Protein backbone atom coordinates (compact mmCIF):
# COMPACT_ATOMS: atom_id res chain seq x y z
CA MET A 1 56.02 35.94 -127.56
CA GLU A 2 53.85 38.97 -126.75
CA SER A 3 55.69 42.20 -125.91
CA VAL A 4 54.74 45.34 -123.97
CA ASP A 5 56.74 48.35 -122.86
CA ALA A 6 56.17 47.91 -119.13
CA VAL A 7 54.79 45.35 -116.70
CA VAL A 8 53.70 46.23 -113.19
CA ILE A 9 53.42 43.20 -110.92
CA GLY A 10 50.77 43.79 -108.26
CA ALA A 11 47.54 45.79 -108.43
CA GLY A 12 47.50 47.29 -104.97
CA VAL A 13 47.27 51.04 -104.48
CA VAL A 14 50.99 51.54 -105.17
CA GLY A 15 51.05 49.29 -108.21
CA LEU A 16 48.05 51.10 -109.67
CA ALA A 17 49.65 54.49 -108.97
CA VAL A 18 52.82 53.31 -110.73
CA ALA A 19 50.83 52.01 -113.70
CA ARG A 20 49.08 55.39 -113.97
CA GLU A 21 52.44 57.17 -113.92
CA LEU A 22 54.00 54.92 -116.57
CA ALA A 23 50.95 55.15 -118.81
CA ALA A 24 51.07 58.93 -118.50
CA ALA A 25 54.67 58.74 -119.75
CA GLY A 26 53.36 57.12 -122.92
CA ARG A 27 54.31 53.57 -122.06
CA GLU A 28 52.21 50.56 -122.95
CA VAL A 29 51.49 49.10 -119.51
CA LEU A 30 50.27 45.68 -118.41
CA ILE A 31 49.34 45.17 -114.74
CA LEU A 32 49.54 41.57 -113.55
CA GLU A 33 47.64 40.66 -110.38
CA ALA A 34 47.74 37.21 -108.76
CA GLU A 35 44.39 37.61 -106.98
CA SER A 36 40.93 37.76 -108.53
CA HIS A 37 40.55 41.51 -107.95
CA PHE A 38 42.80 44.50 -107.42
CA GLY A 39 43.76 45.69 -103.94
CA THR A 40 42.60 42.71 -101.90
CA GLN A 41 45.50 42.52 -99.44
CA THR A 42 47.51 45.32 -97.78
CA SER A 43 45.72 48.06 -99.73
CA SER A 44 42.29 47.12 -98.36
CA ARG A 45 43.20 45.72 -94.94
CA ASN A 46 44.40 48.89 -93.24
CA SER A 47 43.09 51.92 -91.35
CA GLU A 48 42.38 53.99 -94.51
CA VAL A 49 44.18 56.94 -92.92
CA ILE A 50 45.85 59.76 -94.81
CA HIS A 51 48.89 60.18 -92.59
CA ALA A 52 50.50 63.52 -91.83
CA GLY A 53 54.08 62.16 -91.65
CA ILE A 54 54.72 62.61 -87.94
CA TYR A 55 56.54 59.48 -86.82
CA TYR A 56 59.07 58.61 -89.49
CA PRO A 57 62.80 59.08 -88.82
CA THR A 58 64.69 61.97 -90.37
CA GLY A 59 65.99 61.30 -93.86
CA THR A 60 63.89 58.21 -94.53
CA LEU A 61 61.83 57.63 -97.64
CA LYS A 62 58.81 57.16 -95.39
CA ALA A 63 59.24 60.67 -93.95
CA ARG A 64 59.80 62.39 -97.29
CA LEU A 65 57.32 60.48 -99.43
CA CYS A 66 54.57 60.55 -96.82
CA VAL A 67 54.67 64.35 -96.56
CA GLN A 68 54.90 64.76 -100.35
CA GLY A 69 52.32 62.08 -101.00
CA ARG A 70 49.82 63.47 -98.52
CA ALA A 71 49.65 66.81 -100.38
CA MET A 72 49.44 65.02 -103.73
CA LEU A 73 46.74 62.66 -102.45
CA TYR A 74 44.47 65.39 -101.08
CA ARG A 75 44.75 67.24 -104.39
CA TYR A 76 44.11 64.09 -106.41
CA CYS A 77 41.06 63.14 -104.34
CA ALA A 78 39.57 66.60 -104.82
CA GLU A 79 40.21 66.53 -108.58
CA ARG A 80 38.90 62.99 -109.12
CA GLY A 81 36.04 63.01 -106.64
CA VAL A 82 37.52 60.29 -104.41
CA ALA A 83 35.69 60.24 -101.07
CA HIS A 84 37.88 61.51 -98.24
CA ARG A 85 37.73 63.82 -95.25
CA GLN A 86 40.43 65.81 -93.45
CA VAL A 87 39.17 64.95 -89.96
CA GLY A 88 42.38 65.59 -88.03
CA LYS A 89 44.00 63.52 -85.32
CA VAL A 90 44.61 63.96 -81.60
CA LEU A 91 47.77 62.39 -80.19
CA VAL A 92 47.41 61.97 -76.44
CA ALA A 93 49.62 61.40 -73.41
CA ALA A 94 47.25 59.66 -71.00
CA THR A 95 49.65 59.95 -68.04
CA GLU A 96 52.61 62.08 -67.00
CA ASP A 97 55.09 59.35 -67.84
CA GLU A 98 53.92 59.44 -71.46
CA GLN A 99 54.82 63.12 -71.86
CA PRO A 100 58.38 62.42 -73.13
CA ALA A 101 57.04 60.21 -75.92
CA LEU A 102 54.61 62.94 -76.94
CA ALA A 103 57.42 65.51 -76.94
CA LYS A 104 59.51 63.19 -79.10
CA TYR A 105 56.72 63.03 -81.67
CA ALA A 106 56.38 66.81 -81.65
CA HIS A 107 60.12 67.15 -82.29
CA GLN A 108 60.13 64.62 -85.13
CA ALA A 109 57.06 66.19 -86.73
CA ALA A 110 58.79 69.56 -86.79
CA ILE A 111 61.83 68.06 -88.50
CA ASN A 112 59.56 66.38 -91.06
CA GLY A 113 57.77 69.65 -91.78
CA VAL A 114 54.47 68.56 -90.26
CA VAL A 115 52.41 71.18 -88.42
CA LEU A 116 51.14 70.13 -84.98
CA GLU A 117 49.42 72.21 -82.32
CA PRO A 118 50.15 71.54 -78.62
CA LEU A 119 47.18 70.80 -76.37
CA ASP A 120 46.79 70.83 -72.62
CA ALA A 121 44.30 68.55 -70.88
CA ALA A 122 41.48 71.04 -71.42
CA GLY A 123 42.37 71.33 -75.10
CA VAL A 124 42.20 67.58 -75.56
CA SER A 125 38.84 67.55 -73.79
CA ARG A 126 37.46 70.28 -76.05
CA LEU A 127 38.28 68.22 -79.12
CA GLU A 128 37.35 64.82 -77.66
CA PRO A 129 35.29 65.08 -74.45
CA GLU A 130 35.42 61.32 -73.81
CA VAL A 131 39.23 61.19 -73.84
CA THR A 132 41.23 61.47 -70.63
CA ALA A 133 44.76 62.85 -71.11
CA VAL A 134 47.26 65.17 -69.45
CA SER A 135 48.31 66.69 -72.78
CA GLY A 136 48.15 66.15 -76.51
CA LEU A 137 49.00 67.27 -80.00
CA TRP A 138 46.54 68.23 -82.73
CA SER A 139 47.35 67.12 -86.28
CA PRO A 140 45.02 69.04 -88.62
CA SER A 141 46.38 67.47 -91.83
CA THR A 142 45.49 63.85 -90.97
CA GLY A 143 42.51 62.44 -92.84
CA ILE A 144 40.59 59.36 -93.91
CA ILE A 145 39.91 58.00 -97.38
CA ASP A 146 37.92 55.43 -99.32
CA SER A 147 40.85 53.24 -100.40
CA HIS A 148 38.73 51.26 -102.85
CA GLY A 149 37.52 54.48 -104.47
CA LEU A 150 41.12 55.66 -104.73
CA MET A 151 42.20 52.45 -106.45
CA LEU A 152 39.26 52.66 -108.86
CA ALA A 153 40.30 56.19 -109.81
CA LEU A 154 43.95 55.23 -110.31
CA LEU A 155 42.99 52.22 -112.41
CA GLY A 156 40.59 54.35 -114.44
CA ASP A 157 43.32 56.89 -115.15
CA ALA A 158 45.72 54.15 -116.24
CA GLN A 159 43.13 52.44 -118.43
CA ALA A 160 42.23 55.77 -120.03
CA ARG A 161 45.82 55.71 -121.38
CA ASP A 162 45.42 52.10 -122.55
CA ALA A 163 46.94 50.27 -119.57
CA MET A 164 45.46 46.84 -119.04
CA LEU A 165 44.81 44.90 -115.83
CA VAL A 166 44.96 41.10 -115.92
CA VAL A 167 43.87 39.33 -112.74
CA GLN A 168 44.43 35.77 -111.51
CA THR A 169 47.80 35.87 -113.23
CA PRO A 170 50.68 35.22 -110.82
CA VAL A 171 54.20 35.73 -112.13
CA THR A 172 56.07 32.44 -111.77
CA GLY A 173 59.43 33.38 -113.22
CA VAL A 174 61.43 36.16 -114.85
CA ARG A 175 64.55 35.98 -116.96
CA VAL A 176 66.73 39.00 -117.66
CA SER A 177 67.86 39.18 -121.29
CA ASP A 178 69.51 41.69 -123.58
CA ARG A 179 66.01 42.56 -124.80
CA GLY A 180 64.64 43.29 -121.34
CA PHE A 181 62.66 40.73 -119.35
CA GLU A 182 60.92 37.50 -120.26
CA LEU A 183 58.09 36.67 -117.85
CA SER A 184 56.25 33.43 -117.25
CA THR A 185 52.86 33.48 -115.57
CA GLY A 186 50.56 30.90 -114.01
CA GLY A 187 46.82 30.87 -113.49
CA ALA A 188 44.14 29.46 -115.76
CA ASP A 189 45.83 30.86 -118.88
CA PRO A 190 49.62 30.67 -118.47
CA MET A 191 51.58 32.86 -120.84
CA ARG A 192 55.00 34.21 -121.63
CA LEU A 193 55.67 37.82 -122.48
CA ARG A 194 58.50 40.26 -122.89
CA CYS A 195 58.87 43.80 -121.52
CA ARG A 196 61.51 46.52 -121.25
CA LEU A 197 60.47 47.93 -117.87
CA LEU A 198 59.48 45.73 -114.91
CA ILE A 199 58.17 47.09 -111.63
CA ASN A 200 57.77 44.55 -108.84
CA SER A 201 55.03 46.01 -106.63
CA ALA A 202 53.79 42.65 -105.38
CA GLY A 203 53.50 43.74 -101.73
CA LEU A 204 53.44 40.68 -99.51
CA ALA A 205 54.86 38.60 -102.36
CA ALA A 206 57.53 41.10 -103.49
CA GLN A 207 60.45 39.05 -102.16
CA GLN A 208 59.06 35.89 -103.72
CA VAL A 209 58.78 37.61 -107.10
CA ALA A 210 62.26 39.13 -106.81
CA ALA A 211 63.76 35.76 -105.92
CA SER A 212 62.30 34.34 -109.16
CA ILE A 213 64.20 36.85 -111.34
CA GLU A 214 67.09 35.08 -113.06
CA GLY A 215 69.79 37.70 -113.37
CA LEU A 216 69.10 39.50 -110.10
CA ALA A 217 71.76 38.73 -107.48
CA PRO A 218 70.15 37.03 -104.43
CA HIS A 219 71.70 39.48 -101.97
CA HIS A 220 69.43 42.19 -103.40
CA VAL A 221 66.36 40.38 -102.00
CA PRO A 222 65.86 41.31 -98.32
CA PRO A 223 64.26 38.90 -95.85
CA ALA A 224 60.47 39.07 -95.71
CA HIS A 225 58.70 39.61 -92.37
CA TYR A 226 54.93 39.62 -91.90
CA ALA A 227 53.36 41.50 -88.97
CA LYS A 228 49.72 40.74 -88.28
CA GLY A 229 47.38 43.30 -86.77
CA HIS A 230 43.77 43.07 -85.60
CA TYR A 231 40.96 45.63 -85.66
CA PHE A 232 37.92 45.74 -83.43
CA SER A 233 34.92 47.92 -84.16
CA LEU A 234 32.58 49.66 -81.74
CA ALA A 235 29.11 48.15 -81.55
CA ALA A 236 27.59 51.47 -80.47
CA ARG A 237 27.64 54.88 -82.14
CA SER A 238 31.10 56.47 -82.09
CA PRO A 239 31.68 59.13 -79.40
CA PHE A 240 34.70 60.43 -81.37
CA THR A 241 34.83 63.01 -84.14
CA HIS A 242 38.58 62.78 -84.82
CA LEU A 243 41.18 60.06 -84.89
CA VAL A 244 42.83 59.46 -81.50
CA TYR A 245 46.34 58.04 -81.21
CA PRO A 246 47.78 57.10 -77.81
CA MET A 247 51.47 56.71 -77.07
CA PRO A 248 53.24 53.44 -77.90
CA ASP A 249 52.75 50.38 -75.72
CA GLU A 250 53.63 46.71 -75.81
CA ALA A 251 51.14 46.19 -78.67
CA GLY A 252 53.03 48.50 -81.03
CA LEU A 253 52.26 52.16 -81.69
CA GLY A 254 49.21 51.90 -79.46
CA ILE A 255 45.60 50.91 -80.11
CA HIS A 256 44.32 53.82 -82.20
CA VAL A 257 40.83 55.20 -82.68
CA THR A 258 40.12 55.38 -86.39
CA LEU A 259 36.95 56.34 -88.21
CA ASP A 260 35.66 55.44 -91.64
CA LEU A 261 33.73 57.74 -93.94
CA ALA A 262 30.43 56.32 -92.66
CA GLY A 263 31.36 57.35 -89.12
CA ARG A 264 32.03 53.82 -87.93
CA CYS A 265 34.61 53.63 -85.13
CA LYS A 266 37.45 51.10 -85.24
CA PHE A 267 40.30 50.33 -82.86
CA GLY A 268 43.66 49.01 -83.96
CA PRO A 269 45.88 47.70 -85.19
CA ASP A 270 47.89 45.81 -82.65
CA VAL A 271 50.89 43.75 -83.68
CA THR A 272 49.80 40.43 -82.25
CA ARG A 273 52.44 38.24 -83.77
CA TRP A 274 54.96 37.81 -86.54
CA LEU A 275 54.03 35.25 -89.15
CA PRO A 276 56.01 32.95 -91.43
CA ALA A 277 53.41 33.65 -94.13
CA PRO A 278 50.33 35.91 -94.45
CA ASP A 279 47.31 34.70 -92.47
CA TYR A 280 44.12 36.72 -92.01
CA ALA A 281 42.36 34.58 -89.40
CA PHE A 282 41.02 36.63 -86.47
CA GLU A 283 42.56 35.26 -83.29
CA ASP A 284 40.54 34.62 -80.15
CA GLY A 285 41.13 36.13 -76.73
CA LEU A 286 42.21 39.64 -77.73
CA GLU A 287 39.21 41.67 -76.58
CA GLU A 288 40.36 42.08 -72.97
CA ARG A 289 43.80 43.31 -73.99
CA PHE A 290 42.32 45.76 -76.49
CA ALA A 291 39.81 47.03 -73.92
CA ALA A 292 42.53 47.58 -71.30
CA ALA A 293 44.65 49.57 -73.78
CA ILE A 294 41.68 51.69 -74.90
CA ARG A 295 40.58 52.45 -71.34
CA ARG A 296 43.93 54.10 -70.66
CA TYR A 297 42.64 57.09 -72.64
CA TRP A 298 38.91 56.30 -72.89
CA PRO A 299 37.84 55.05 -69.48
CA GLY A 300 34.19 55.15 -70.55
CA LEU A 301 34.47 52.22 -72.96
CA PRO A 302 31.37 50.13 -72.16
CA GLU A 303 31.71 46.48 -71.28
CA GLY A 304 31.15 44.23 -74.28
CA ALA A 305 31.20 47.12 -76.76
CA LEU A 306 34.06 45.76 -78.87
CA GLN A 307 33.38 43.36 -81.71
CA PRO A 308 35.96 41.59 -83.90
CA ASP A 309 36.26 43.24 -87.30
CA TYR A 310 39.18 42.35 -89.58
CA THR A 311 42.93 41.74 -89.72
CA GLY A 312 45.74 43.02 -91.86
CA VAL A 313 49.28 41.86 -92.57
CA ARG A 314 52.11 44.31 -93.14
CA PRO A 315 55.05 43.45 -95.41
CA LYS A 316 58.07 44.45 -93.36
CA VAL A 317 61.79 44.39 -94.09
CA SER A 318 62.75 44.27 -90.41
CA GLY A 319 61.71 41.68 -87.89
CA PRO A 320 60.76 41.61 -84.20
CA GLY A 321 63.24 43.41 -81.97
CA GLN A 322 64.79 45.26 -84.92
CA ALA A 323 64.51 48.95 -85.73
CA ALA A 324 61.62 49.73 -88.06
CA GLY A 325 62.64 49.44 -91.69
CA ASP A 326 62.23 52.05 -94.39
CA PHE A 327 60.60 51.71 -97.78
CA ILE A 328 62.98 50.07 -100.24
CA LEU A 329 62.69 51.37 -103.80
CA GLN A 330 65.42 49.35 -105.44
CA GLY A 331 66.37 50.43 -108.93
CA PRO A 332 69.16 49.91 -111.46
CA ALA A 333 71.57 52.12 -109.50
CA THR A 334 71.50 49.45 -106.78
CA HIS A 335 71.24 46.12 -108.60
CA ALA A 336 72.54 47.09 -112.07
CA VAL A 337 69.59 45.49 -113.90
CA ALA A 338 68.37 48.07 -116.41
CA GLY A 339 64.63 48.73 -116.33
CA LEU A 340 63.92 46.87 -113.08
CA VAL A 341 62.49 48.38 -109.90
CA ASN A 342 61.71 46.26 -106.84
CA LEU A 343 59.53 47.66 -104.06
CA PHE A 344 60.02 46.06 -100.65
CA GLY A 345 58.49 46.88 -97.27
CA ILE A 346 55.71 49.08 -98.65
CA GLU A 347 53.57 49.16 -95.53
CA SER A 348 52.13 52.20 -93.74
CA PRO A 349 52.28 54.99 -94.92
CA GLY A 350 52.26 53.37 -98.35
CA LEU A 351 48.69 54.39 -99.18
CA THR A 352 49.37 58.03 -98.27
CA ALA A 353 52.67 57.99 -100.16
CA SER A 354 51.42 56.07 -103.21
CA LEU A 355 51.44 58.94 -105.69
CA ALA A 356 54.83 60.15 -104.47
CA ILE A 357 56.25 56.61 -104.71
CA ALA A 358 55.02 56.40 -108.30
CA ARG A 359 56.65 59.69 -109.17
CA GLU A 360 59.90 58.54 -107.51
CA ILE A 361 59.94 55.40 -109.66
CA ALA A 362 59.37 57.42 -112.83
CA VAL A 363 62.37 59.57 -111.91
CA MET A 364 64.49 56.47 -111.18
CA LEU A 365 63.67 55.16 -114.66
CA GLY A 366 64.28 58.52 -116.34
CA LEU A 367 60.69 58.94 -117.50
CA ASN A 368 58.85 62.18 -118.14
CA THR A 369 55.13 61.97 -117.44
CA MET A 370 52.08 64.00 -118.31
CA VAL A 371 50.73 63.68 -114.77
CA ASN A 372 50.29 67.07 -113.11
CA HIS A 373 52.17 67.07 -109.79
CA ASP A 374 52.11 70.83 -109.21
């Protein structure tokens, strides 16, 4: 049976960041990916936003790791030449009754250590002339990123320290032994291998992988919930130069204005429905609801200007009607299985927090790395 020091299951942005961290600690790392390419699911079906860390509740991993990860990510992108831009974001209260929600965000941002600047209606208009609002907040540290370029850089760093990526290799079973872990894989070339460290970063399939681990108590595997969101793009040239985030509505956190590095304008995501399993089909009949939500803050949206773009599915650990769940980084201190870390609920701001999550896992496993985090 082949043996390696460490196996990372899942080659999304977080899995690749973890592989880079472990390889930097001198570990022999194998990355196993079920799909035919890295980063094809949550890591590529998102808004590609570098989040400031405004919304997340006090004391959560999301709050701490987003703020830490954002600084690390900007520095990493600059060092490695990953395309990104610190465009900033305008949070807007479109009406007077939305002012309390805006004030709540300002309060939470201050607790999280995120700098925001208050805006009156004229201030919002100066930044985004097309937006109608009674007040707003300016987030200068929000940005956008080429997520594929980021994953390429992380994979390149890991491979430079001899990590190896194997695609189309789903993990079908794991057995805990006194020598670590024995894995069975499927795909065209099934194999068995042994490792000492096992990081389950399988994203949408993390619970499925965890449930297959013989020796892990079932109560350590939380229920899996899948929230589907849609994105529309603007057929015309974007009138916006920054991201624009309205206050929450029945569709979730509100239909946001996001931009990509080519200047293309997108709107979303909504949370259309909760799924029993991931499904990326674009549902019909959503344009009118999107347009109505957008016109609350951009009344000039032209008729017929929205076109269906793509969908994403978020791996959540809380379901509809429940309070939003935090990241779960579940290590030996929780489940008493030496060398095992399960990652559950790594949704937004997982991309922003990816480098900080990887560092957190290294600390959990007692590893010293050569990666510069200063």
